[in-house]
Amino acid sequence: MVVGHFNQLEATQIMSPEAKNAIMKVLVSPKEGWEGYVMRVIELEPEGYSPKHQHDWPHINYIIEGEGTLLIQDQLNEIKAGSYAYVPANTLHQFSNSGDKPFKFICIVPEEGHK
């Protein structure tokens, strides 16, 4: 069993030349007993974005706070707190903060997708 608080988790800078102002905090992973999956929170500061990329695993996302966009293939989707998205495997995607406050979202991936 794991019970914690987001503010007590260590943030890791997303170190990619294709990302800007992006950090990640891991909430639950195999380390905590959830075999095969990782639930993390990605935070993008104003003008921040994740890398534009694709890979062999899907994403399940829920927007916690702020507003932004989610590019899926060639379609740009506006998203905000309360929005959710499923990004299939091998699909080009990128999250961007379009607001003036932090943009936070839950991202669940298979264990092999967490780096």
N, C-alpha and C. Protein backbone atom coordinates (compact mmCIF):
# COMPACT_ATOMS: atom_id res chain seq x y z
N MET A 1 0.85 -1.18 0.00
CA MET A 1 0.00 0.00 0.00
C MET A 1 0.89 1.24 0.00
N VAL A 2 0.47 2.24 -0.77
CA VAL A 2 1.20 3.49 -0.86
C VAL A 2 0.22 4.64 -0.68
N VAL A 3 0.54 5.54 0.22
CA VAL A 3 -0.21 6.77 0.40
C VAL A 3 0.82 7.88 0.50
N GLY A 4 0.66 8.92 -0.27
CA GLY A 4 1.64 9.99 -0.26
C GLY A 4 1.01 11.30 -0.67
N HIS A 5 1.86 12.30 -0.85
CA HIS A 5 1.42 13.61 -1.28
C HIS A 5 2.34 14.12 -2.37
N PHE A 6 1.75 14.65 -3.41
CA PHE A 6 2.48 15.15 -4.57
C PHE A 6 3.60 16.12 -4.19
N ASN A 7 3.32 17.01 -3.26
CA ASN A 7 4.31 18.04 -2.89
C ASN A 7 5.54 17.46 -2.19
N GLN A 8 5.48 16.22 -1.75
CA GLN A 8 6.62 15.60 -1.08
C GLN A 8 7.46 14.75 -2.01
N LEU A 9 7.10 14.68 -3.28
CA LEU A 9 7.85 13.88 -4.24
C LEU A 9 8.97 14.69 -4.89
N GLU A 10 10.05 14.01 -5.20
CA GLU A 10 11.18 14.64 -5.88
C GLU A 10 10.86 14.79 -7.37
N ALA A 11 11.14 15.96 -7.91
CA ALA A 11 10.93 16.22 -9.33
C ALA A 11 12.20 15.92 -10.11
N THR A 12 12.01 15.37 -11.29
CA THR A 12 13.11 15.10 -12.21
C THR A 12 12.91 15.94 -13.46
N GLN A 13 13.92 16.70 -13.82
CA GLN A 13 13.87 17.49 -15.05
C GLN A 13 13.82 16.54 -16.25
N ILE A 14 12.94 16.82 -17.20
CA ILE A 14 12.91 16.02 -18.42
C ILE A 14 14.04 16.53 -19.30
N MET A 15 15.06 15.70 -19.41
CA MET A 15 16.30 16.08 -20.08
C MET A 15 16.27 15.66 -21.54
N SER A 16 15.65 16.44 -22.36
CA SER A 16 15.61 16.21 -23.78
C SER A 16 15.80 17.55 -24.47
N PRO A 17 16.60 17.61 -25.50
CA PRO A 17 16.75 18.88 -26.22
C PRO A 17 15.44 19.32 -26.88
N GLU A 18 14.47 18.40 -26.96
CA GLU A 18 13.19 18.71 -27.58
C GLU A 18 12.11 19.04 -26.56
N ALA A 19 12.49 19.21 -25.28
CA ALA A 19 11.54 19.58 -24.23
C ALA A 19 11.98 20.91 -23.62
N LYS A 20 11.02 21.62 -23.05
CA LYS A 20 11.32 22.91 -22.42
C LYS A 20 10.48 23.06 -21.16
N ASN A 21 11.12 23.46 -20.07
CA ASN A 21 10.43 23.74 -18.80
C ASN A 21 9.51 22.60 -18.39
N ALA A 22 10.05 21.37 -18.40
CA ALA A 22 9.25 20.18 -18.13
C ALA A 22 9.88 19.35 -17.01
N ILE A 23 9.06 18.99 -16.02
CA ILE A 23 9.52 18.10 -14.94
C ILE A 23 8.54 16.95 -14.79
N MET A 24 9.01 15.90 -14.09
CA MET A 24 8.18 14.72 -13.87
C MET A 24 8.34 14.26 -12.42
N LYS A 25 7.23 13.81 -11.84
CA LYS A 25 7.23 13.20 -10.52
C LYS A 25 6.54 11.84 -10.63
N VAL A 26 7.18 10.79 -10.13
CA VAL A 26 6.60 9.45 -10.17
C VAL A 26 5.76 9.24 -8.92
N LEU A 27 4.50 8.86 -9.11
CA LEU A 27 3.59 8.59 -7.99
C LEU A 27 3.62 7.11 -7.62
N VAL A 28 3.36 6.24 -8.60
CA VAL A 28 3.29 4.81 -8.34
C VAL A 28 3.98 4.08 -9.50
N SER A 29 4.80 3.10 -9.14
CA SER A 29 5.55 2.34 -10.15
C SER A 29 5.78 0.92 -9.61
N PRO A 30 6.51 0.10 -10.34
CA PRO A 30 6.84 -1.22 -9.79
C PRO A 30 7.59 -1.14 -8.45
N LYS A 31 8.33 -0.06 -8.25
CA LYS A 31 9.03 0.13 -6.97
C LYS A 31 8.04 0.15 -5.79
N GLU A 32 6.84 0.69 -6.04
CA GLU A 32 5.81 0.76 -5.00
C GLU A 32 4.86 -0.44 -5.07
N GLY A 33 5.07 -1.35 -6.03
CA GLY A 33 4.26 -2.55 -6.10
C GLY A 33 3.31 -2.66 -7.28
N TRP A 34 3.26 -1.63 -8.16
CA TRP A 34 2.38 -1.71 -9.33
C TRP A 34 3.17 -2.27 -10.49
N GLU A 35 3.17 -3.57 -10.61
CA GLU A 35 3.99 -4.25 -11.61
C GLU A 35 3.52 -3.93 -13.03
N GLY A 36 4.48 -3.55 -13.85
CA GLY A 36 4.21 -3.35 -15.26
C GLY A 36 3.80 -1.95 -15.67
N TYR A 37 3.50 -1.06 -14.72
CA TYR A 37 3.02 0.29 -15.07
C TYR A 37 3.67 1.35 -14.20
N VAL A 38 3.61 2.58 -14.71
CA VAL A 38 4.10 3.73 -13.96
C VAL A 38 3.09 4.86 -14.11
N MET A 39 2.68 5.44 -12.98
CA MET A 39 1.83 6.62 -12.97
C MET A 39 2.69 7.78 -12.52
N ARG A 40 2.75 8.80 -13.35
CA ARG A 40 3.57 9.96 -13.01
C ARG A 40 2.80 11.23 -13.32
N VAL A 41 3.27 12.34 -12.77
CA VAL A 41 2.70 13.65 -13.08
C VAL A 41 3.76 14.43 -13.83
N ILE A 42 3.37 14.96 -14.97
CA ILE A 42 4.23 15.82 -15.77
C ILE A 42 3.78 17.25 -15.52
N GLU A 43 4.72 18.13 -15.28
CA GLU A 43 4.41 19.54 -15.08
C GLU A 43 5.18 20.36 -16.10
N LEU A 44 4.43 21.17 -16.85
CA LEU A 44 5.02 22.07 -17.83
C LEU A 44 4.80 23.50 -17.36
N GLU A 45 5.87 24.23 -17.19
CA GLU A 45 5.76 25.64 -16.81
C GLU A 45 5.25 26.43 -18.03
N PRO A 46 4.84 27.70 -17.84
CA PRO A 46 4.41 28.51 -18.99
C PRO A 46 5.46 28.45 -20.11
N GLU A 47 4.98 28.31 -21.33
CA GLU A 47 5.79 28.17 -22.54
C GLU A 47 6.54 26.83 -22.60
N GLY A 48 6.24 25.92 -21.68
CA GLY A 48 6.90 24.63 -21.67
C GLY A 48 6.21 23.62 -22.57
N TYR A 49 6.96 22.57 -22.92
CA TYR A 49 6.41 21.52 -23.76
C TYR A 49 7.22 20.24 -23.59
N SER A 50 6.56 19.13 -23.90
CA SER A 50 7.22 17.83 -23.90
C SER A 50 7.84 17.61 -25.28
N PRO A 51 8.69 16.61 -25.41
CA PRO A 51 9.23 16.34 -26.75
C PRO A 51 8.12 15.92 -27.71
N LYS A 52 8.27 16.27 -28.98
CA LYS A 52 7.38 15.76 -30.02
C LYS A 52 7.97 14.41 -30.41
N HIS A 53 7.24 13.33 -30.12
CA HIS A 53 7.82 12.01 -30.31
C HIS A 53 6.75 10.94 -30.46
N GLN A 54 7.17 9.74 -30.76
CA GLN A 54 6.30 8.57 -30.78
C GLN A 54 7.11 7.37 -30.31
N HIS A 55 6.40 6.34 -29.84
CA HIS A 55 7.07 5.16 -29.30
C HIS A 55 6.11 3.98 -29.31
N ASP A 56 6.61 2.83 -28.87
CA ASP A 56 5.87 1.57 -28.98
C ASP A 56 4.83 1.34 -27.90
N TRP A 57 4.55 2.29 -27.04
CA TRP A 57 3.59 2.09 -25.96
C TRP A 57 2.59 3.24 -25.94
N PRO A 58 1.40 3.00 -25.40
CA PRO A 58 0.37 4.04 -25.29
C PRO A 58 0.57 4.89 -24.03
N HIS A 59 -0.13 6.02 -24.02
CA HIS A 59 -0.22 6.89 -22.84
C HIS A 59 -1.69 6.98 -22.44
N ILE A 60 -1.95 7.04 -21.16
CA ILE A 60 -3.26 7.40 -20.64
C ILE A 60 -3.02 8.68 -19.84
N ASN A 61 -3.77 9.73 -20.14
CA ASN A 61 -3.52 11.04 -19.53
C ASN A 61 -4.78 11.66 -18.96
N TYR A 62 -4.61 12.36 -17.84
CA TYR A 62 -5.69 13.13 -17.22
C TYR A 62 -5.12 14.47 -16.81
N ILE A 63 -5.75 15.56 -17.25
CA ILE A 63 -5.25 16.90 -16.97
C ILE A 63 -5.74 17.34 -15.59
N ILE A 64 -4.78 17.66 -14.71
CA ILE A 64 -5.08 18.04 -13.33
C ILE A 64 -5.29 19.54 -13.20
N GLU A 65 -4.44 20.30 -13.87
CA GLU A 65 -4.39 21.75 -13.63
C GLU A 65 -3.87 22.46 -14.87
N GLY A 66 -4.39 23.65 -15.12
CA GLY A 66 -3.89 24.48 -16.21
C GLY A 66 -4.56 24.20 -17.53
N GLU A 67 -3.94 24.75 -18.58
CA GLU A 67 -4.48 24.58 -19.93
C GLU A 67 -3.32 24.44 -20.91
N GLY A 68 -3.59 23.71 -21.97
CA GLY A 68 -2.54 23.48 -22.94
C GLY A 68 -3.09 22.89 -24.21
N THR A 69 -2.18 22.31 -24.97
CA THR A 69 -2.56 21.63 -26.19
C THR A 69 -1.91 20.26 -26.22
N LEU A 70 -2.55 19.36 -26.93
CA LEU A 70 -2.02 18.03 -27.18
C LEU A 70 -2.06 17.80 -28.68
N LEU A 71 -0.87 17.75 -29.28
CA LEU A 71 -0.76 17.42 -30.69
C LEU A 71 -0.77 15.90 -30.81
N ILE A 72 -1.69 15.38 -31.59
CA ILE A 72 -1.75 13.95 -31.90
C ILE A 72 -1.74 13.84 -33.42
N GLN A 73 -0.64 13.27 -33.94
CA GLN A 73 -0.38 13.23 -35.38
C GLN A 73 -0.39 14.66 -35.90
N ASP A 74 -1.35 15.06 -36.70
CA ASP A 74 -1.39 16.43 -37.23
C ASP A 74 -2.57 17.22 -36.67
N GLN A 75 -3.21 16.69 -35.61
CA GLN A 75 -4.37 17.37 -35.02
C GLN A 75 -3.98 17.99 -33.68
N LEU A 76 -4.20 19.30 -33.55
CA LEU A 76 -3.91 20.02 -32.31
C LEU A 76 -5.19 20.12 -31.50
N ASN A 77 -5.18 19.57 -30.28
CA ASN A 77 -6.35 19.53 -29.41
C ASN A 77 -6.14 20.44 -28.21
N GLU A 78 -7.09 21.31 -27.93
CA GLU A 78 -7.04 22.14 -26.73
C GLU A 78 -7.50 21.29 -25.55
N ILE A 79 -6.75 21.35 -24.45
CA ILE A 79 -7.08 20.58 -23.26
C ILE A 79 -6.92 21.46 -22.03
N LYS A 80 -7.65 21.13 -20.98
CA LYS A 80 -7.60 21.89 -19.73
C LYS A 80 -7.93 20.95 -18.58
N ALA A 81 -7.85 21.45 -17.36
CA ALA A 81 -8.16 20.65 -16.18
C ALA A 81 -9.49 19.92 -16.40
N GLY A 82 -9.47 18.60 -16.17
CA GLY A 82 -10.64 17.78 -16.37
C GLY A 82 -10.63 17.02 -17.69
N SER A 83 -9.79 17.44 -18.64
CA SER A 83 -9.69 16.73 -19.91
C SER A 83 -8.92 15.43 -19.71
N TYR A 84 -9.14 14.49 -20.61
CA TYR A 84 -8.38 13.24 -20.58
C TYR A 84 -8.07 12.85 -22.02
N ALA A 85 -7.07 12.00 -22.19
CA ALA A 85 -6.68 11.57 -23.53
C ALA A 85 -6.04 10.20 -23.47
N TYR A 86 -6.27 9.44 -24.50
CA TYR A 86 -5.58 8.18 -24.72
C TYR A 86 -4.77 8.35 -26.00
N VAL A 87 -3.46 8.22 -25.90
CA VAL A 87 -2.58 8.34 -27.05
C VAL A 87 -2.10 6.93 -27.40
N PRO A 88 -2.53 6.39 -28.54
CA PRO A 88 -2.14 5.02 -28.90
C PRO A 88 -0.63 4.89 -29.15
N ALA A 89 -0.16 3.67 -29.10
CA ALA A 89 1.23 3.38 -29.41
C ALA A 89 1.55 3.84 -30.84
N ASN A 90 2.81 4.20 -31.05
CA ASN A 90 3.31 4.58 -32.37
C ASN A 90 2.56 5.76 -32.99
N THR A 91 2.14 6.69 -32.14
CA THR A 91 1.42 7.88 -32.58
C THR A 91 2.23 9.12 -32.19
N LEU A 92 2.53 9.97 -33.15
CA LEU A 92 3.26 11.21 -32.87
C LEU A 92 2.42 12.09 -31.94
N HIS A 93 3.04 12.61 -30.88
CA HIS A 93 2.32 13.44 -29.92
C HIS A 93 3.25 14.41 -29.20
N GLN A 94 2.65 15.49 -28.67
CA GLN A 94 3.38 16.48 -27.89
C GLN A 94 2.39 17.28 -27.05
N PHE A 95 2.72 17.46 -25.77
CA PHE A 95 1.96 18.32 -24.87
C PHE A 95 2.65 19.68 -24.77
N SER A 96 1.86 20.76 -24.74
CA SER A 96 2.40 22.11 -24.60
C SER A 96 1.52 22.91 -23.65
N ASN A 97 2.15 23.76 -22.86
CA ASN A 97 1.43 24.67 -21.97
C ASN A 97 1.07 25.92 -22.76
N SER A 98 -0.22 26.23 -22.86
CA SER A 98 -0.66 27.43 -23.58
C SER A 98 -1.13 28.52 -22.64
N GLY A 99 -1.01 28.28 -21.34
CA GLY A 99 -1.48 29.27 -20.36
C GLY A 99 -0.34 30.00 -19.68
N ASP A 100 -0.69 30.75 -18.65
CA ASP A 100 0.32 31.52 -17.91
C ASP A 100 0.56 30.94 -16.51
N LYS A 101 0.04 29.74 -16.27
CA LYS A 101 0.23 29.03 -15.00
C LYS A 101 0.74 27.63 -15.32
N PRO A 102 1.23 26.90 -14.32
CA PRO A 102 1.68 25.53 -14.58
C PRO A 102 0.57 24.66 -15.16
N PHE A 103 0.97 23.75 -16.02
CA PHE A 103 0.08 22.80 -16.67
C PHE A 103 0.52 21.42 -16.19
N LYS A 104 -0.36 20.72 -15.44
CA LYS A 104 -0.01 19.43 -14.84
C LYS A 104 -0.97 18.36 -15.32
N PHE A 105 -0.39 17.19 -15.62
CA PHE A 105 -1.23 16.07 -16.03
C PHE A 105 -0.65 14.75 -15.58
N ILE A 106 -1.56 13.82 -15.29
CA ILE A 106 -1.18 12.45 -14.97
C ILE A 106 -0.89 11.75 -16.28
N CYS A 107 0.16 10.96 -16.28
CA CYS A 107 0.55 10.18 -17.45
C CYS A 107 0.84 8.75 -16.98
N ILE A 108 0.06 7.80 -17.46
CA ILE A 108 0.26 6.39 -17.11
C ILE A 108 0.79 5.67 -18.34
N VAL A 109 1.91 4.98 -18.16
CA VAL A 109 2.55 4.23 -19.25
C VAL A 109 2.95 2.85 -18.75
N PRO A 110 3.13 1.90 -19.68
CA PRO A 110 3.72 0.63 -19.28
C PRO A 110 5.14 0.88 -18.77
N GLU A 111 5.62 -0.01 -17.94
CA GLU A 111 6.94 0.15 -17.32
C GLU A 111 8.04 0.44 -18.35
N GLU A 112 8.01 -0.23 -19.50
CA GLU A 112 9.05 0.00 -20.50
C GLU A 112 9.00 1.41 -21.09
N GLY A 113 7.88 2.13 -20.91
CA GLY A 113 7.76 3.49 -21.40
C GLY A 113 8.25 4.55 -20.45
N HIS A 114 8.64 4.15 -19.26
CA HIS A 114 9.12 5.11 -18.26
C HIS A 114 10.64 5.16 -18.29
N LYS A 115 11.17 6.29 -18.63
CA LYS A 115 12.62 6.44 -18.69
C LYS A 115 13.05 7.64 -17.90
